[in-house]
Amino acid sequence: MNLKSIQKNYELLSVRERFSIFDAARIRDDEREIEAVYAASPQKSYRVVDFYFLRQAVLLLHKHNLIERWSQQTMVEHFFEAMERAKGDKAKNYSECLMLAAYLYVIETDAWTLVGDEFGFDVRGYRKRLAMDSFALIQLERRDGAMREVAFTEDGAKGMIAGTASTKAGENVKTLQSVADMYRTVLLEAEK
């Protein structure tokens, strides 16, 4: 079957086949093909509650937050192991990297909780409910106190970054405020 024949018969293809053609067209930026697939695909209509998109954004950001926190916890563990094997300045460098990763964990954790409180949803409740089904989440929550104990303060993180890079680098360190602002921006857009 040639391309013109397929295009004339998009409506005869299955949902999966049309999606596959659509996806390939998006990858190659073929607007004509995308429009042809849209035009041939049956339309479905749904009714949703007015907070549907806000709920979807909350769930997506909650998953994003968990990934960020897991990532930083993994980095802390990595730098701890490296620090244990290193000597002198290398051990000090690993220790500072560990403290920076712990700082990033703390601000991700606290920013999401802060924004959840502002918007009226229970981040702690989400965490507890998910932890019931996941040993990894239980471990993440159990290590929270240890992460806070070793974390840099905001000034310490800025100083560490500024000391290892250009002086302006310290100004670009994530802060509780900058991370909370990112979460707020996404949620405010979802409310519209």
N, C-alpha and C. Protein backbone atom coordinates (compact mmCIF):
# COMPACT_ATOMS: atom_id res chain seq x y z
N MET A 1 0.85 -1.17 0.00
CA MET A 1 0.00 0.00 0.00
C MET A 1 0.90 1.24 0.00
N ASN A 2 0.66 2.19 -0.90
CA ASN A 2 1.50 3.38 -0.95
C ASN A 2 0.95 4.46 -0.01
N LEU A 3 1.74 5.56 0.18
CA LEU A 3 1.39 6.60 1.13
C LEU A 3 0.08 7.28 0.79
N LYS A 4 -0.16 7.60 -0.49
CA LYS A 4 -1.40 8.28 -0.87
C LYS A 4 -2.61 7.39 -0.59
N SER A 5 -2.46 6.11 -0.78
CA SER A 5 -3.55 5.18 -0.50
C SER A 5 -3.84 5.13 1.00
N ILE A 6 -2.79 5.13 1.81
CA ILE A 6 -2.97 5.12 3.27
C ILE A 6 -3.65 6.40 3.71
N GLN A 7 -3.18 7.56 3.20
CA GLN A 7 -3.77 8.84 3.59
C GLN A 7 -5.26 8.92 3.24
N LYS A 8 -5.63 8.32 2.15
CA LYS A 8 -7.04 8.35 1.76
C LYS A 8 -7.89 7.45 2.65
N ASN A 9 -7.24 6.53 3.35
CA ASN A 9 -7.97 5.54 4.14
C ASN A 9 -7.60 5.56 5.64
N TYR A 10 -7.19 6.70 6.15
CA TYR A 10 -6.86 6.79 7.58
C TYR A 10 -7.99 6.30 8.47
N GLU A 11 -9.22 6.62 8.08
CA GLU A 11 -10.36 6.26 8.92
C GLU A 11 -10.54 4.75 9.03
N LEU A 12 -9.95 3.98 8.13
CA LEU A 12 -10.04 2.52 8.18
C LEU A 12 -9.00 1.91 9.12
N LEU A 13 -8.03 2.70 9.53
CA LEU A 13 -6.98 2.20 10.41
C LEU A 13 -7.47 2.14 11.85
N SER A 14 -6.80 1.33 12.65
CA SER A 14 -7.15 1.24 14.07
C SER A 14 -6.63 2.49 14.80
N VAL A 15 -7.10 2.68 16.02
CA VAL A 15 -6.64 3.79 16.85
C VAL A 15 -5.13 3.73 16.99
N ARG A 16 -4.59 2.55 17.27
CA ARG A 16 -3.15 2.39 17.46
C ARG A 16 -2.39 2.72 16.19
N GLU A 17 -2.90 2.29 15.04
CA GLU A 17 -2.23 2.58 13.77
C GLU A 17 -2.23 4.08 13.46
N ARG A 18 -3.37 4.74 13.70
CA ARG A 18 -3.43 6.19 13.48
C ARG A 18 -2.49 6.92 14.43
N PHE A 19 -2.45 6.46 15.69
CA PHE A 19 -1.54 7.09 16.64
C PHE A 19 -0.09 6.91 16.21
N SER A 20 0.27 5.75 15.73
CA SER A 20 1.63 5.49 15.28
C SER A 20 2.02 6.43 14.13
N ILE A 21 1.11 6.60 13.19
CA ILE A 21 1.37 7.51 12.07
C ILE A 21 1.47 8.95 12.57
N PHE A 22 0.56 9.34 13.47
CA PHE A 22 0.59 10.67 14.06
C PHE A 22 1.90 10.92 14.79
N ASP A 23 2.32 9.96 15.61
CA ASP A 23 3.55 10.10 16.39
C ASP A 23 4.77 10.26 15.49
N ALA A 24 4.84 9.45 14.45
CA ALA A 24 5.97 9.56 13.50
C ALA A 24 5.95 10.91 12.79
N ALA A 25 4.77 11.41 12.46
CA ALA A 25 4.65 12.72 11.81
C ALA A 25 5.10 13.83 12.74
N ARG A 26 4.76 13.73 14.03
CA ARG A 26 5.20 14.75 15.01
C ARG A 26 6.71 14.77 15.13
N ILE A 27 7.32 13.60 15.14
CA ILE A 27 8.78 13.53 15.27
C ILE A 27 9.47 14.21 14.09
N ARG A 28 8.91 14.05 12.92
CA ARG A 28 9.54 14.67 11.74
C ARG A 28 8.92 16.03 11.39
N ASP A 29 8.05 16.56 12.27
CA ASP A 29 7.41 17.87 12.09
C ASP A 29 6.64 17.98 10.78
N ASP A 30 5.90 16.94 10.45
CA ASP A 30 5.12 16.92 9.22
C ASP A 30 3.69 17.36 9.54
N GLU A 31 3.48 18.69 9.50
CA GLU A 31 2.17 19.26 9.85
C GLU A 31 1.05 18.75 8.94
N ARG A 32 1.34 18.54 7.69
CA ARG A 32 0.33 18.06 6.74
C ARG A 32 -0.17 16.67 7.14
N GLU A 33 0.76 15.81 7.48
CA GLU A 33 0.40 14.45 7.91
C GLU A 33 -0.39 14.49 9.23
N ILE A 34 0.05 15.33 10.16
CA ILE A 34 -0.63 15.46 11.45
C ILE A 34 -2.08 15.88 11.23
N GLU A 35 -2.28 16.89 10.40
CA GLU A 35 -3.64 17.37 10.11
C GLU A 35 -4.49 16.29 9.43
N ALA A 36 -3.88 15.53 8.55
CA ALA A 36 -4.61 14.46 7.85
C ALA A 36 -5.07 13.38 8.84
N VAL A 37 -4.20 13.03 9.78
CA VAL A 37 -4.57 12.03 10.79
C VAL A 37 -5.69 12.58 11.68
N TYR A 38 -5.55 13.83 12.12
CA TYR A 38 -6.60 14.45 12.93
C TYR A 38 -7.94 14.44 12.19
N ALA A 39 -7.90 14.86 10.95
CA ALA A 39 -9.15 14.97 10.18
C ALA A 39 -9.84 13.62 10.01
N ALA A 40 -9.07 12.54 9.90
CA ALA A 40 -9.65 11.22 9.67
C ALA A 40 -10.02 10.48 10.96
N SER A 41 -9.60 11.01 12.10
CA SER A 41 -9.84 10.31 13.37
C SER A 41 -11.17 10.74 13.98
N PRO A 42 -11.96 9.76 14.43
CA PRO A 42 -13.21 10.10 15.10
C PRO A 42 -12.95 10.94 16.35
N GLN A 43 -13.85 11.84 16.65
CA GLN A 43 -13.72 12.71 17.82
C GLN A 43 -14.54 12.16 18.97
N LYS A 44 -14.04 12.34 20.17
CA LYS A 44 -14.76 11.96 21.38
C LYS A 44 -14.90 13.19 22.25
N SER A 45 -15.99 13.30 22.93
CA SER A 45 -16.23 14.43 23.83
C SER A 45 -16.38 13.91 25.25
N TYR A 46 -15.83 14.65 26.20
CA TYR A 46 -15.92 14.28 27.60
C TYR A 46 -16.32 15.49 28.41
N ARG A 47 -16.98 15.25 29.53
CA ARG A 47 -17.26 16.29 30.49
C ARG A 47 -16.41 16.01 31.71
N VAL A 48 -15.76 17.04 32.21
CA VAL A 48 -14.93 16.88 33.40
C VAL A 48 -15.29 17.97 34.40
N VAL A 49 -15.02 17.72 35.66
CA VAL A 49 -15.25 18.74 36.68
C VAL A 49 -14.27 19.89 36.47
N ASP A 50 -14.61 21.05 36.98
CA ASP A 50 -13.79 22.24 36.72
C ASP A 50 -12.39 22.16 37.32
N PHE A 51 -12.16 21.31 38.33
CA PHE A 51 -10.82 21.21 38.91
C PHE A 51 -10.02 20.03 38.34
N TYR A 52 -10.52 19.42 37.28
CA TYR A 52 -9.86 18.25 36.68
C TYR A 52 -8.40 18.54 36.33
N PHE A 53 -8.14 19.65 35.63
CA PHE A 53 -6.78 19.94 35.19
C PHE A 53 -5.87 20.31 36.35
N LEU A 54 -6.45 20.93 37.38
CA LEU A 54 -5.67 21.22 38.58
C LEU A 54 -5.28 19.91 39.26
N ARG A 55 -6.22 18.98 39.37
CA ARG A 55 -5.92 17.68 39.98
C ARG A 55 -4.83 16.95 39.19
N GLN A 56 -4.94 16.97 37.87
CA GLN A 56 -3.93 16.31 37.04
C GLN A 56 -2.55 16.95 37.26
N ALA A 57 -2.53 18.28 37.37
CA ALA A 57 -1.26 18.98 37.60
C ALA A 57 -0.69 18.61 38.97
N VAL A 58 -1.55 18.53 39.99
CA VAL A 58 -1.09 18.15 41.33
C VAL A 58 -0.47 16.75 41.29
N LEU A 59 -1.14 15.81 40.66
CA LEU A 59 -0.62 14.44 40.59
C LEU A 59 0.70 14.38 39.82
N LEU A 60 0.79 15.10 38.71
CA LEU A 60 2.02 15.13 37.94
C LEU A 60 3.16 15.76 38.73
N LEU A 61 2.89 16.88 39.40
CA LEU A 61 3.92 17.53 40.19
C LEU A 61 4.32 16.70 41.40
N HIS A 62 3.36 15.97 41.96
CA HIS A 62 3.70 15.10 43.08
C HIS A 62 4.69 14.02 42.63
N LYS A 63 4.45 13.45 41.46
CA LYS A 63 5.39 12.45 40.92
C LYS A 63 6.74 13.10 40.61
N HIS A 64 6.71 14.28 40.03
CA HIS A 64 7.96 15.01 39.76
C HIS A 64 8.74 15.22 41.05
N ASN A 65 8.04 15.64 42.10
CA ASN A 65 8.68 15.88 43.38
C ASN A 65 9.30 14.61 43.94
N LEU A 66 8.59 13.50 43.84
CA LEU A 66 9.15 12.23 44.32
C LEU A 66 10.42 11.85 43.55
N ILE A 67 10.39 12.04 42.25
CA ILE A 67 11.57 11.72 41.44
C ILE A 67 12.75 12.59 41.84
N GLU A 68 12.50 13.88 42.02
CA GLU A 68 13.57 14.80 42.44
C GLU A 68 14.14 14.39 43.79
N ARG A 69 13.27 14.07 44.73
CA ARG A 69 13.72 13.69 46.07
C ARG A 69 14.49 12.38 46.03
N TRP A 70 14.00 11.39 45.29
CA TRP A 70 14.72 10.12 45.16
C TRP A 70 16.10 10.35 44.54
N SER A 71 16.13 11.17 43.52
CA SER A 71 17.39 11.46 42.84
C SER A 71 18.41 12.06 43.80
N GLN A 72 17.97 13.04 44.58
CA GLN A 72 18.91 13.67 45.53
C GLN A 72 19.32 12.71 46.64
N GLN A 73 18.40 11.87 47.09
CA GLN A 73 18.76 10.89 48.11
C GLN A 73 19.79 9.90 47.56
N THR A 74 19.63 9.51 46.33
CA THR A 74 20.58 8.60 45.68
C THR A 74 21.95 9.26 45.57
N MET A 75 21.95 10.55 45.25
CA MET A 75 23.22 11.28 45.16
C MET A 75 23.90 11.36 46.53
N VAL A 76 23.13 11.58 47.58
CA VAL A 76 23.70 11.61 48.93
C VAL A 76 24.38 10.28 49.24
N GLU A 77 23.70 9.19 48.93
CA GLU A 77 24.27 7.86 49.18
C GLU A 77 25.55 7.65 48.36
N HIS A 78 25.52 8.08 47.10
CA HIS A 78 26.70 7.96 46.24
C HIS A 78 27.87 8.75 46.81
N PHE A 79 27.64 10.00 47.18
CA PHE A 79 28.73 10.83 47.70
C PHE A 79 29.21 10.34 49.06
N PHE A 80 28.32 9.78 49.86
CA PHE A 80 28.73 9.22 51.15
C PHE A 80 29.71 8.07 50.93
N GLU A 81 29.37 7.17 50.02
CA GLU A 81 30.26 6.04 49.72
C GLU A 81 31.59 6.53 49.16
N ALA A 82 31.56 7.51 48.27
CA ALA A 82 32.80 8.05 47.69
C ALA A 82 33.63 8.74 48.77
N MET A 83 33.00 9.46 49.67
CA MET A 83 33.69 10.16 50.75
C MET A 83 34.38 9.17 51.68
N GLU A 84 33.72 8.04 51.94
CA GLU A 84 34.29 7.01 52.82
C GLU A 84 35.59 6.44 52.26
N ARG A 85 35.70 6.37 50.92
CA ARG A 85 36.89 5.80 50.27
C ARG A 85 37.99 6.84 50.01
N ALA A 86 37.61 8.12 49.99
CA ALA A 86 38.55 9.18 49.60
C ALA A 86 39.37 9.67 50.80
N LYS A 87 40.41 10.42 50.47
CA LYS A 87 41.29 11.01 51.49
C LYS A 87 41.43 12.51 51.22
N GLY A 88 41.71 13.27 52.25
CA GLY A 88 42.05 14.68 52.13
C GLY A 88 41.01 15.54 51.43
N ASP A 89 41.49 16.34 50.45
CA ASP A 89 40.62 17.28 49.74
C ASP A 89 39.50 16.59 48.98
N LYS A 90 39.79 15.40 48.46
CA LYS A 90 38.73 14.67 47.74
C LYS A 90 37.58 14.32 48.67
N ALA A 91 37.91 13.88 49.87
CA ALA A 91 36.88 13.55 50.84
C ALA A 91 36.07 14.80 51.19
N LYS A 92 36.75 15.94 51.32
CA LYS A 92 36.07 17.21 51.61
C LYS A 92 35.14 17.58 50.45
N ASN A 93 35.60 17.42 49.22
CA ASN A 93 34.77 17.72 48.05
C ASN A 93 33.53 16.83 48.02
N TYR A 94 33.71 15.55 48.27
CA TYR A 94 32.56 14.63 48.30
C TYR A 94 31.59 15.00 49.42
N SER A 95 32.15 15.41 50.56
CA SER A 95 31.31 15.82 51.68
C SER A 95 30.46 17.03 51.30
N GLU A 96 31.06 17.99 50.62
CA GLU A 96 30.30 19.18 50.19
C GLU A 96 29.24 18.81 49.16
N CYS A 97 29.57 17.90 48.25
CA CYS A 97 28.58 17.45 47.26
C CYS A 97 27.42 16.75 47.94
N LEU A 98 27.73 15.94 48.95
CA LEU A 98 26.71 15.26 49.74
C LEU A 98 25.79 16.29 50.40
N MET A 99 26.38 17.31 50.99
CA MET A 99 25.59 18.34 51.68
C MET A 99 24.73 19.14 50.69
N LEU A 100 25.25 19.35 49.48
CA LEU A 100 24.47 20.05 48.45
C LEU A 100 23.29 19.20 47.99
N ALA A 101 23.53 17.90 47.77
CA ALA A 101 22.44 17.01 47.36
C ALA A 101 21.37 16.94 48.46
N ALA A 102 21.79 16.89 49.71
CA ALA A 102 20.83 16.87 50.82
C ALA A 102 20.04 18.19 50.86
N TYR A 103 20.72 19.30 50.61
CA TYR A 103 20.04 20.60 50.55
C TYR A 103 18.96 20.61 49.47
N LEU A 104 19.31 20.09 48.29
CA LEU A 104 18.34 20.04 47.19
C LEU A 104 17.16 19.14 47.53
N TYR A 105 17.43 18.04 48.22
CA TYR A 105 16.35 17.17 48.71
C TYR A 105 15.42 17.96 49.63
N VAL A 106 15.99 18.67 50.58
CA VAL A 106 15.20 19.39 51.58
C VAL A 106 14.34 20.48 50.92
N ILE A 107 14.92 21.24 50.00
CA ILE A 107 14.11 22.31 49.41
C ILE A 107 13.02 21.76 48.51
N GLU A 108 13.27 20.64 47.82
CA GLU A 108 12.21 20.01 47.02
C GLU A 108 11.08 19.54 47.95
N THR A 109 11.46 18.89 49.03
CA THR A 109 10.47 18.37 49.99
C THR A 109 9.65 19.51 50.58
N ASP A 110 10.33 20.53 51.05
CA ASP A 110 9.65 21.62 51.75
C ASP A 110 8.87 22.53 50.80
N ALA A 111 9.39 22.76 49.60
CA ALA A 111 8.68 23.62 48.64
C ALA A 111 7.36 23.01 48.24
N TRP A 112 7.35 21.71 47.97
CA TRP A 112 6.11 21.05 47.57
C TRP A 112 5.10 21.03 48.71
N THR A 113 5.58 20.80 49.92
CA THR A 113 4.70 20.82 51.09
C THR A 113 4.13 22.22 51.29
N LEU A 114 4.96 23.24 51.17
CA LEU A 114 4.53 24.63 51.32
C LEU A 114 3.44 24.98 50.30
N VAL A 115 3.67 24.63 49.04
CA VAL A 115 2.70 24.94 47.99
C VAL A 115 1.42 24.12 48.20
N GLY A 116 1.55 22.88 48.62
CA GLY A 116 0.36 22.08 48.92
C GLY A 116 -0.49 22.74 50.00
N ASP A 117 0.16 23.24 51.05
CA ASP A 117 -0.57 23.93 52.11
C ASP A 117 -1.26 25.19 51.57
N GLU A 118 -0.56 25.93 50.72
CA GLU A 118 -1.14 27.16 50.14
C GLU A 118 -2.36 26.86 49.27
N PHE A 119 -2.29 25.78 48.50
CA PHE A 119 -3.37 25.45 47.56
C PHE A 119 -4.44 24.57 48.19
N GLY A 120 -4.21 24.11 49.41
CA GLY A 120 -5.24 23.36 50.12
C GLY A 120 -5.27 21.87 49.84
N PHE A 121 -4.14 21.27 49.47
CA PHE A 121 -4.10 19.81 49.35
C PHE A 121 -3.00 19.27 50.25
N ASP A 122 -3.17 18.03 50.68
CA ASP A 122 -2.35 17.44 51.73
C ASP A 122 -1.19 16.62 51.15
N VAL A 123 -0.04 17.25 50.98
CA VAL A 123 1.14 16.57 50.45
C VAL A 123 1.56 15.45 51.39
N ARG A 124 1.52 15.69 52.67
CA ARG A 124 1.93 14.67 53.64
C ARG A 124 1.02 13.45 53.52
N GLY A 125 -0.27 13.68 53.31
CA GLY A 125 -1.22 12.59 53.12
C GLY A 125 -0.93 11.78 51.87
N TYR A 126 -0.60 12.47 50.77
CA TYR A 126 -0.21 11.77 49.54
C TYR A 126 1.00 10.87 49.83
N ARG A 127 1.98 11.44 50.52
CA ARG A 127 3.21 10.68 50.80
C ARG A 127 2.92 9.46 51.65
N LYS A 128 2.10 9.62 52.68
CA LYS A 128 1.77 8.49 53.55
C LYS A 128 1.02 7.40 52.79
N ARG A 129 0.06 7.82 51.99
CA ARG A 129 -0.74 6.84 51.24
C ARG A 129 0.13 6.08 50.25
N LEU A 130 1.01 6.77 49.54
CA LEU A 130 1.89 6.09 48.59
C LEU A 130 2.91 5.20 49.29
N ALA A 131 3.38 5.63 50.46
CA ALA A 131 4.37 4.86 51.19
C ALA A 131 3.83 3.51 51.64
N MET A 132 2.52 3.41 51.81
CA MET A 132 1.94 2.13 52.22
C MET A 132 2.18 1.05 51.17
N ASP A 133 2.33 1.46 49.91
CA ASP A 133 2.49 0.50 48.82
C ASP A 133 3.92 0.39 48.31
N SER A 134 4.84 1.12 48.89
CA SER A 134 6.19 1.15 48.33
C SER A 134 7.24 1.19 49.43
N PHE A 135 8.06 0.16 49.47
CA PHE A 135 9.16 0.12 50.43
C PHE A 135 10.14 1.26 50.18
N ALA A 136 10.37 1.59 48.91
CA ALA A 136 11.29 2.68 48.58
C ALA A 136 10.79 4.01 49.15
N LEU A 137 9.49 4.24 49.11
CA LEU A 137 8.94 5.48 49.67
C LEU A 137 9.03 5.48 51.19
N ILE A 138 8.86 4.33 51.79
CA ILE A 138 9.02 4.24 53.25
C ILE A 138 10.44 4.64 53.61
N GLN A 139 11.42 4.12 52.86
CA GLN A 139 12.82 4.45 53.11
C GLN A 139 13.09 5.94 52.89
N LEU A 140 12.49 6.50 51.85
CA LEU A 140 12.66 7.93 51.57
C LEU A 140 12.19 8.75 52.76
N GLU A 141 11.03 8.43 53.28
CA GLU A 141 10.48 9.18 54.41
C GLU A 141 11.31 8.96 55.68
N ARG A 142 11.80 7.75 55.87
CA ARG A 142 12.61 7.45 57.07
C ARG A 142 13.94 8.20 57.07
N ARG A 143 14.45 8.50 55.90
CA ARG A 143 15.76 9.16 55.81
C ARG A 143 15.64 10.68 55.81
N ASP A 144 14.43 11.19 55.87
CA ASP A 144 14.21 12.63 55.82
C ASP A 144 15.01 13.37 56.91
N GLY A 145 14.95 12.90 58.13
CA GLY A 145 15.67 13.56 59.23
C GLY A 145 17.17 13.58 59.00
N ALA A 146 17.72 12.47 58.53
CA ALA A 146 19.17 12.41 58.27
C ALA A 146 19.56 13.38 57.16
N MET A 147 18.71 13.49 56.14
CA MET A 147 18.99 14.41 55.04
C MET A 147 19.03 15.84 55.56
N ARG A 148 18.12 16.18 56.43
CA ARG A 148 18.06 17.53 56.99
C ARG A 148 19.27 17.83 57.87
N GLU A 149 19.75 16.82 58.57
CA GLU A 149 20.91 17.02 59.45
C GLU A 149 22.18 17.36 58.67
N VAL A 150 22.35 16.78 57.51
CA VAL A 150 23.61 16.99 56.76
C VAL A 150 23.49 18.06 55.68
N ALA A 151 22.30 18.58 55.44
CA ALA A 151 22.08 19.52 54.33
C ALA A 151 22.73 20.87 54.60
N PHE A 152 23.23 21.47 53.52
CA PHE A 152 23.67 22.86 53.58
C PHE A 152 22.47 23.74 53.89
N THR A 153 22.72 24.91 54.41
CA THR A 153 21.72 25.97 54.44
C THR A 153 21.74 26.60 53.05
N GLU A 154 20.80 27.50 52.77
CA GLU A 154 20.79 28.18 51.47
C GLU A 154 22.09 28.95 51.26
N ASP A 155 22.54 29.67 52.28
CA ASP A 155 23.80 30.42 52.16
C ASP A 155 24.99 29.48 51.96
N GLY A 156 24.97 28.35 52.65
CA GLY A 156 26.05 27.38 52.49
C GLY A 156 26.09 26.81 51.08
N ALA A 157 24.92 26.51 50.52
CA ALA A 157 24.84 25.99 49.15
C ALA A 157 25.34 27.03 48.16
N LYS A 158 24.91 28.29 48.33
CA LYS A 158 25.37 29.36 47.44
C LYS A 158 26.88 29.54 47.55
N GLY A 159 27.38 29.49 48.76
CA GLY A 159 28.83 29.65 48.97
C GLY A 159 29.62 28.51 48.36
N MET A 160 29.12 27.29 48.49
CA MET A 160 29.80 26.14 47.91
C MET A 160 29.86 26.24 46.40
N ILE A 161 28.73 26.59 45.79
CA ILE A 161 28.67 26.72 44.33
C ILE A 161 29.56 27.87 43.87
N ALA A 162 29.49 29.00 44.55
CA ALA A 162 30.30 30.16 44.17
C ALA A 162 31.79 29.85 44.32
N GLY A 163 32.13 29.02 45.29
CA GLY A 163 33.53 28.68 45.51
C GLY A 163 34.09 27.71 44.47
N THR A 164 33.22 26.98 43.78
CA THR A 164 33.70 25.99 42.81
C THR A 164 33.49 26.43 41.37
N ALA A 165 32.79 27.54 41.17
CA ALA A 165 32.51 28.00 39.80
C ALA A 165 32.65 29.52 39.76
N SER A 166 32.08 30.13 38.77
CA SER A 166 32.13 31.59 38.69
C SER A 166 31.35 32.19 39.84
N THR A 167 31.64 33.44 40.18
CA THR A 167 30.95 34.08 41.30
C THR A 167 29.46 34.19 41.08
N LYS A 168 29.01 34.28 39.83
CA LYS A 168 27.58 34.37 39.56
C LYS A 168 26.87 33.04 39.75
N ALA A 169 27.60 31.93 39.74
CA ALA A 169 26.97 30.62 39.86
C ALA A 169 26.21 30.48 41.17
N GLY A 170 26.74 31.04 42.24
CA GLY A 170 26.09 30.96 43.54
C GLY A 170 24.73 31.62 43.55
N GLU A 171 24.52 32.59 42.66
CA GLU A 171 23.25 33.29 42.58
C GLU A 171 22.18 32.42 41.93
N ASN A 172 22.58 31.40 41.20
CA ASN A 172 21.63 30.56 40.46
C ASN A 172 21.28 29.26 41.17
N VAL A 173 21.64 29.14 42.42
CA VAL A 173 21.32 27.94 43.18
C VAL A 173 19.81 27.90 43.43
N LYS A 174 19.23 26.72 43.28
CA LYS A 174 17.81 26.57 43.61
C LYS A 174 17.61 26.95 45.07
N THR A 175 16.51 27.61 45.32
CA THR A 175 16.14 27.96 46.70
C THR A 175 14.74 27.44 46.96
N LEU A 176 14.37 27.46 48.23
CA LEU A 176 13.02 27.06 48.59
C LEU A 176 12.02 27.93 47.82
N GLN A 177 12.29 29.22 47.75
CA GLN A 177 11.40 30.15 47.06
C GLN A 177 11.33 29.86 45.57
N SER A 178 12.47 29.62 44.91
CA SER A 178 12.45 29.40 43.45
C SER A 178 11.74 28.10 43.09
N VAL A 179 11.93 27.07 43.88
CA VAL A 179 11.25 25.79 43.61
C VAL A 179 9.75 25.93 43.88
N ALA A 180 9.39 26.58 44.98
CA ALA A 180 7.97 26.79 45.29
C ALA A 180 7.31 27.63 44.19
N ASP A 181 8.02 28.64 43.69
CA ASP A 181 7.48 29.47 42.60
C ASP A 181 7.23 28.65 41.34
N MET A 182 8.11 27.71 41.04
CA MET A 182 7.92 26.84 39.87
C MET A 182 6.64 26.02 40.04
N TYR A 183 6.46 25.43 41.21
CA TYR A 183 5.25 24.65 41.48
C TYR A 183 4.00 25.53 41.39
N ARG A 184 4.06 26.71 42.00
CA ARG A 184 2.92 27.64 41.96
C ARG A 184 2.54 28.00 40.53
N THR A 185 3.53 28.29 39.71
CA THR A 185 3.28 28.69 38.32
C THR A 185 2.51 27.62 37.58
N VAL A 186 2.93 26.37 37.73
CA VAL A 186 2.25 25.27 37.04
C VAL A 186 0.82 25.13 37.55
N LEU A 187 0.63 25.20 38.85
CA LEU A 187 -0.70 25.03 39.42
C LEU A 187 -1.63 26.20 39.08
N LEU A 188 -1.11 27.41 39.08
CA LEU A 188 -1.93 28.57 38.70
C LEU A 188 -2.37 28.47 37.24
N GLU A 189 -1.50 27.98 36.40
CA GLU A 189 -1.86 27.79 34.98
C GLU A 189 -2.94 26.71 34.85
N ALA A 190 -2.84 25.67 35.65
CA ALA A 190 -3.83 24.58 35.60
C ALA A 190 -5.20 25.02 36.12
N GLU A 191 -5.22 26.05 36.95
CA GLU A 191 -6.49 26.55 37.49
C GLU A 191 -7.30 27.33 36.46
N LYS A 192 -6.65 27.81 35.44
CA LYS A 192 -7.33 28.67 34.45
C LYS A 192 -8.37 27.92 33.65
